[in-house]
C-alpha atoms as a PDB file:
ATOM      1  CA  MET A   1     -15.991  22.046  10.782  1.00  0.00           C
ATOM      2  CA  ASP A   2     -18.677  19.761  12.048  1.00  0.00           C
ATOM      3  CA  ILE A   3     -17.960  16.847  14.409  1.00  0.00           C
ATOM      4  CA  ALA A   4     -17.718  14.197  11.829  1.00  0.00           C
ATOM      5  CA  THR A   5     -14.905  15.931  10.030  1.00  0.00           C
ATOM      6  CA  LEU A   6     -13.107  16.365  13.155  1.00  0.00           C
ATOM      7  CA  THR A   7     -13.570  12.719  13.972  1.00  0.00           C
ATOM      8  CA  GLU A   8     -12.190  11.527  10.634  1.00  0.00           C
ATOM      9  CA  PHE A   9      -9.285  14.208  11.074  1.00  0.00           C
ATOM     10  CA  PHE A  10      -8.237  12.588  14.598  1.00  0.00           C
ATOM     11  CA  LYS A  11      -8.791   9.073  13.092  1.00  0.00           C
ATOM     12  CA  TYR A  12      -6.222   9.648  10.413  1.00  0.00           C
ATOM     13  CA  CYS A  13      -3.987  11.583  12.801  1.00  0.00           C
ATOM     14  CA  THR A  14      -4.028   8.488  15.173  1.00  0.00           C
ATOM     15  CA  ILE A  15      -3.452   6.033  12.224  1.00  0.00           C
ATOM     16  CA  ILE A  16      -0.615   8.174  10.927  1.00  0.00           C
ATOM     17  CA  ASN A  17       0.989   8.649  14.274  1.00  0.00           C
ATOM     18  CA  VAL A  18       0.933   4.939  15.419  1.00  0.00           C
ATOM     19  CA  ALA A  19       2.156   3.788  12.070  1.00  0.00           C
ATOM     20  CA  ILE A  20       5.383   6.212  12.624  1.00  0.00           C
ATOM     21  CA  LEU A  21       5.983   4.821  15.972  1.00  0.00           C
ATOM     22  CA  LEU A  22       5.830   1.238  14.945  1.00  0.00           C
ATOM     23  CA  ILE A  23       8.305   1.942  12.070  1.00  0.00           C
ATOM     24  CA  SER A  24      10.488   3.844  14.667  1.00  0.00           C
ATOM     25  CA  ILE A  25      10.405   0.948  17.029  1.00  0.00           C
ATOM     26  CA  ILE A  26      11.363  -1.454  14.512  1.00  0.00           C
ATOM     27  CA  THR A  27      14.232   0.903  13.301  1.00  0.00           C
ATOM     28  CA  VAL A  28      15.389   1.410  16.841  1.00  0.00           C
ATOM     29  CA  ALA A  29      15.411  -2.275  17.846  1.00  0.00           C
ATOM     30  CA  SER A  30      17.990  -3.060  15.199  1.00  0.00           C
ATOM     31  CA  ASP A  31      21.676  -2.240  15.342  1.00  0.00           C
ATOM     32  CA  PHE A  32      21.366  -0.280  12.265  1.00  0.00           C
ATOM     33  CA  ALA A  33      20.377   3.234  14.185  1.00  0.00           C
ATOM     34  CA  TYR A  34      23.236   2.684  16.708  1.00  0.00           C
ATOM     35  CA  ASN A  35      25.898   2.006  13.913  1.00  0.00           C
ATOM     36  CA  MET A  36      24.467   5.037  11.788  1.00  0.00           C
ATOM     37  CA  HIS A  37      24.709   7.296  14.841  1.00  0.00           C
ATOM     38  CA  THR A  38      28.087   6.312  15.929  1.00  0.00           C
ATOM     39  CA  LYS A  39      29.460   6.509  12.138  1.00  0.00           C
ATOM     40  CA  LEU A  40      27.927  10.064  11.934  1.00  0.00           C
ATOM     41  CA  GLY A  41      29.159  11.094  15.459  1.00  0.00           C
ATOM     42  CA  VAL A  42      25.889  11.924  16.626  1.00  0.00           C
ATOM     43  CA  TRP A  43      26.257   9.360  19.717  1.00  0.00           C
ATOM     44  CA  GLU A  44      29.242   8.393  21.503  1.00  0.00           C
ATOM     45  CA  GLY A  45      27.692   6.457  24.515  1.00  0.00           C
ATOM     46  CA  SER A  46      27.299   2.520  24.581  1.00  0.00           C
ATOM     47  CA  LYS A  47      24.982   0.602  22.737  1.00  0.00           C
ATOM     48  CA  GLU A  48      22.608   0.044  26.037  1.00  0.00           C
ATOM     49  CA  ALA A  49      22.485   3.697  26.804  1.00  0.00           C
ATOM     50  CA  HIS A  50      21.496   4.527  23.095  1.00  0.00           C
ATOM     51  CA  LYS A  51      18.817   2.078  23.009  1.00  0.00           C
ATOM     52  CA  GLN A  52      17.704   3.467  26.657  1.00  0.00           C
ATOM     53  CA  SER A  53      17.390   6.818  25.493  1.00  0.00           C
ATOM     54  CA  ALA A  54      15.633   5.964  22.251  1.00  0.00           C
ATOM     55  CA  TYR A  55      12.888   3.977  24.063  1.00  0.00           C
ATOM     56  CA  LYS A  56      12.443   6.949  26.471  1.00  0.00           C
ATOM     57  CA  ILE A  57      11.784   9.172  23.411  1.00  0.00           C
ATOM     58  CA  LEU A  58       9.569   6.685  21.653  1.00  0.00           C
ATOM     59  CA  GLY A  59       7.881   6.000  24.915  1.00  0.00           C
ATOM     60  CA  ASN A  60       7.301   9.958  25.167  1.00  0.00           C
ATOM     61  CA  TYR A  61       5.900  10.016  21.525  1.00  0.00           C
ATOM     62  CA  LYS A  62       3.379   7.151  22.318  1.00  0.00           C
ATOM     63  CA  ILE A  63       2.283   9.199  25.321  1.00  0.00           C
ATOM     64  CA  LEU A  64       1.760  12.088  23.324  1.00  0.00           C
ATOM     65  CA  THR A  65      -0.055  10.326  20.449  1.00  0.00           C
ATOM     66  CA  ILE A  66      -2.514   8.593  22.865  1.00  0.00           C
ATOM     67  CA  VAL A  67      -3.349  12.100  24.701  1.00  0.00           C
ATOM     68  CA  PHE A  68      -3.626  14.106  21.541  1.00  0.00           C
ATOM     69  CA  ASN A  69      -4.706  12.089  18.898  1.00  0.00           C
ATOM     70  CA  ALA A  70      -6.478   8.757  20.184  1.00  0.00           C
ATOM     71  CA  VAL A  71      -8.223  10.200  23.319  1.00  0.00           C
ATOM     72  CA  PRO A  72     -10.117  12.874  21.480  1.00  0.00           C
ATOM     73  CA  TYR A  73     -10.988  10.377  18.531  1.00  0.00           C
ATOM     74  CA  PHE A  74     -12.656   8.042  21.150  1.00  0.00           C
ATOM     75  CA  ALA A  75     -14.272  10.888  22.783  1.00  0.00           C
ATOM     76  CA  LEU A  76     -15.676  12.152  19.564  1.00  0.00           C
ATOM     77  CA  CYS A  77     -16.763   8.488  18.444  1.00  0.00           C
ATOM     78  CA  CYS A  78     -18.688   8.231  21.662  1.00  0.00           C
ATOM     79  CA  CYS A  79     -20.382  11.512  21.373  1.00  0.00           C
ATOM     80  CA  ILE A  80     -22.015  10.623  18.222  1.00  0.00           C
END
């Protein structure tokens, strides 16, 4: 596996993970996620606590995406 292939891999990983993150943020920002979780019995807390925990999870996902996808991609782009 050469550097060009690895760069393309990290590029597509970054694009896919950012798209998943944006879709998740849009989904969590609406009341649909809270209503679905309360009806299924997954969440029994308040709406504010639900949004707070969801944004914590999405924040951690964003950090992981940056550290494990975007940083290696930009490092490989600058090496070439």
